[in-house]
Amino acid sequence: MYVIMETGGKQYRVSEGQVVKVEKLDAAEGSKVTFDNVLVYSNDGKLELGNPYISGAKVEATVLENGKNAKVIVYKYKSKKASQCKNGHRQPFTAV
């Protein structure tokens, strides 16, 4: 059994017991969250598609952790010029 759900502008394929890192949610660790935007539901080879969402379907999860991903380095350089710029970014996430 698996579900494709949407949160934070991204789509995730999840199944029961799986830990997924989604875009940061305003929820404390240990609290329950509900995702109502379910696009696809599959169980024992039977597939149900939404248009765009399946009405009445939802995914319930527990927040395990709020944190930041690994740092991504952004380096801009222009050849034959004295122009260099180095920046770093750490995207926040919520593990559910």
Protein backbone atom coordinates (compact mmCIF):
# COMPACT_ATOMS: atom_id res chain seq x y z
CA MET A 1 0.00 0.00 0.00
CA TYR A 2 1.25 3.48 -0.82
CA VAL A 3 -0.08 7.01 -1.17
CA ILE A 4 1.13 9.99 -3.18
CA MET A 5 0.47 13.17 -1.23
CA GLU A 6 1.27 16.83 -1.73
CA THR A 7 2.70 19.26 0.81
CA GLY A 8 4.93 22.31 0.52
CA GLY A 9 4.56 22.38 -3.27
CA LYS A 10 6.13 18.92 -3.61
CA GLN A 11 4.72 15.42 -4.01
CA TYR A 12 5.84 12.46 -1.89
CA ARG A 13 5.25 8.72 -2.29
CA VAL A 14 4.78 7.34 1.22
CA SER A 15 3.80 4.06 2.80
CA GLU A 16 2.99 3.04 6.36
CA GLY A 17 5.94 3.27 8.76
CA GLN A 18 8.13 5.29 6.38
CA VAL A 19 10.02 8.40 7.58
CA VAL A 20 9.87 11.32 5.13
CA LYS A 21 11.55 14.75 5.24
CA VAL A 22 9.06 17.39 4.07
CA GLU A 23 9.25 21.17 3.88
CA LYS A 24 9.20 22.82 7.32
CA LEU A 25 5.85 22.67 9.10
CA ASP A 26 4.74 24.75 12.09
CA ALA A 27 4.34 21.75 14.38
CA ALA A 28 6.17 20.74 17.55
CA GLU A 29 8.05 17.45 17.83
CA GLY A 30 5.78 14.62 18.94
CA SER A 31 2.59 16.28 17.66
CA LYS A 32 0.29 14.78 15.02
CA VAL A 33 -0.17 16.35 11.58
CA THR A 34 -2.73 15.54 8.89
CA PHE A 35 -2.17 15.86 5.15
CA ASP A 36 -5.44 16.21 3.20
CA ASN A 37 -3.98 16.59 -0.30
CA VAL A 38 -3.91 12.94 -1.41
CA LEU A 39 -3.38 12.49 -5.16
CA VAL A 40 -3.11 8.69 -5.54
CA TYR A 41 -4.03 5.74 -3.32
CA SER A 42 -2.89 2.20 -4.13
CA ASN A 43 -3.78 -0.93 -2.16
CA ASP A 44 -3.25 -4.53 -3.34
CA GLY A 45 -2.92 -3.50 -6.99
CA LYS A 46 -6.11 -1.40 -6.88
CA LEU A 47 -5.32 2.19 -7.87
CA GLU A 48 -7.50 5.20 -7.04
CA LEU A 49 -6.73 8.53 -8.70
CA GLY A 50 -7.92 11.95 -7.59
CA ASN A 51 -9.08 14.83 -9.72
CA PRO A 52 -6.89 16.57 -8.49
CA TYR A 53 -7.33 15.20 -4.93
CA ILE A 54 -9.20 12.22 -3.49
CA SER A 55 -12.07 13.53 -1.38
CA GLY A 56 -12.16 12.20 2.16
CA ALA A 57 -8.65 10.70 2.01
CA LYS A 58 -5.98 11.87 4.43
CA VAL A 59 -2.57 10.86 5.76
CA GLU A 60 -1.86 11.14 9.48
CA ALA A 61 1.73 11.36 10.72
CA THR A 62 3.72 12.16 13.84
CA VAL A 63 6.43 14.85 13.78
CA LEU A 64 9.75 13.21 14.65
CA GLU A 65 12.19 16.08 14.17
CA ASN A 66 12.54 19.69 13.01
CA GLY A 67 15.98 20.48 11.63
CA LYS A 68 18.12 21.70 8.76
CA ASN A 69 19.53 19.78 5.78
CA ALA A 70 23.20 19.74 4.82
CA LYS A 71 24.69 23.00 3.60
CA VAL A 72 24.53 23.77 -0.12
CA ILE A 73 27.31 26.04 -1.39
CA VAL A 74 26.40 28.64 -4.02
CA TYR A 75 29.50 29.99 -5.77
CA LYS A 76 29.29 32.67 -8.45
CA TYR A 77 32.35 33.51 -10.51
CA LYS A 78 32.94 35.63 -13.58
CA SER A 79 36.08 34.87 -15.56
CA LYS A 80 38.55 37.67 -16.32
CA LYS A 81 36.83 39.91 -13.76
CA ALA A 82 37.45 40.46 -10.07
CA SER A 83 33.99 39.10 -9.25
CA GLN A 84 33.50 36.18 -6.87
CA CYS A 85 30.67 35.45 -4.46
CA LYS A 86 30.35 32.46 -2.13
CA ASN A 87 27.15 31.81 -0.17
CA GLY A 88 25.80 28.86 1.78
CA HIS A 89 22.22 27.78 2.49
CA ARG A 90 20.66 25.18 4.82
CA GLN A 91 17.04 24.35 4.01
CA PRO A 92 14.84 23.66 7.06
CA PHE A 93 12.82 20.41 7.11
CA THR A 94 10.38 18.44 9.23
CA ALA A 95 10.77 14.66 9.50
CA VAL A 96 7.38 12.88 9.78
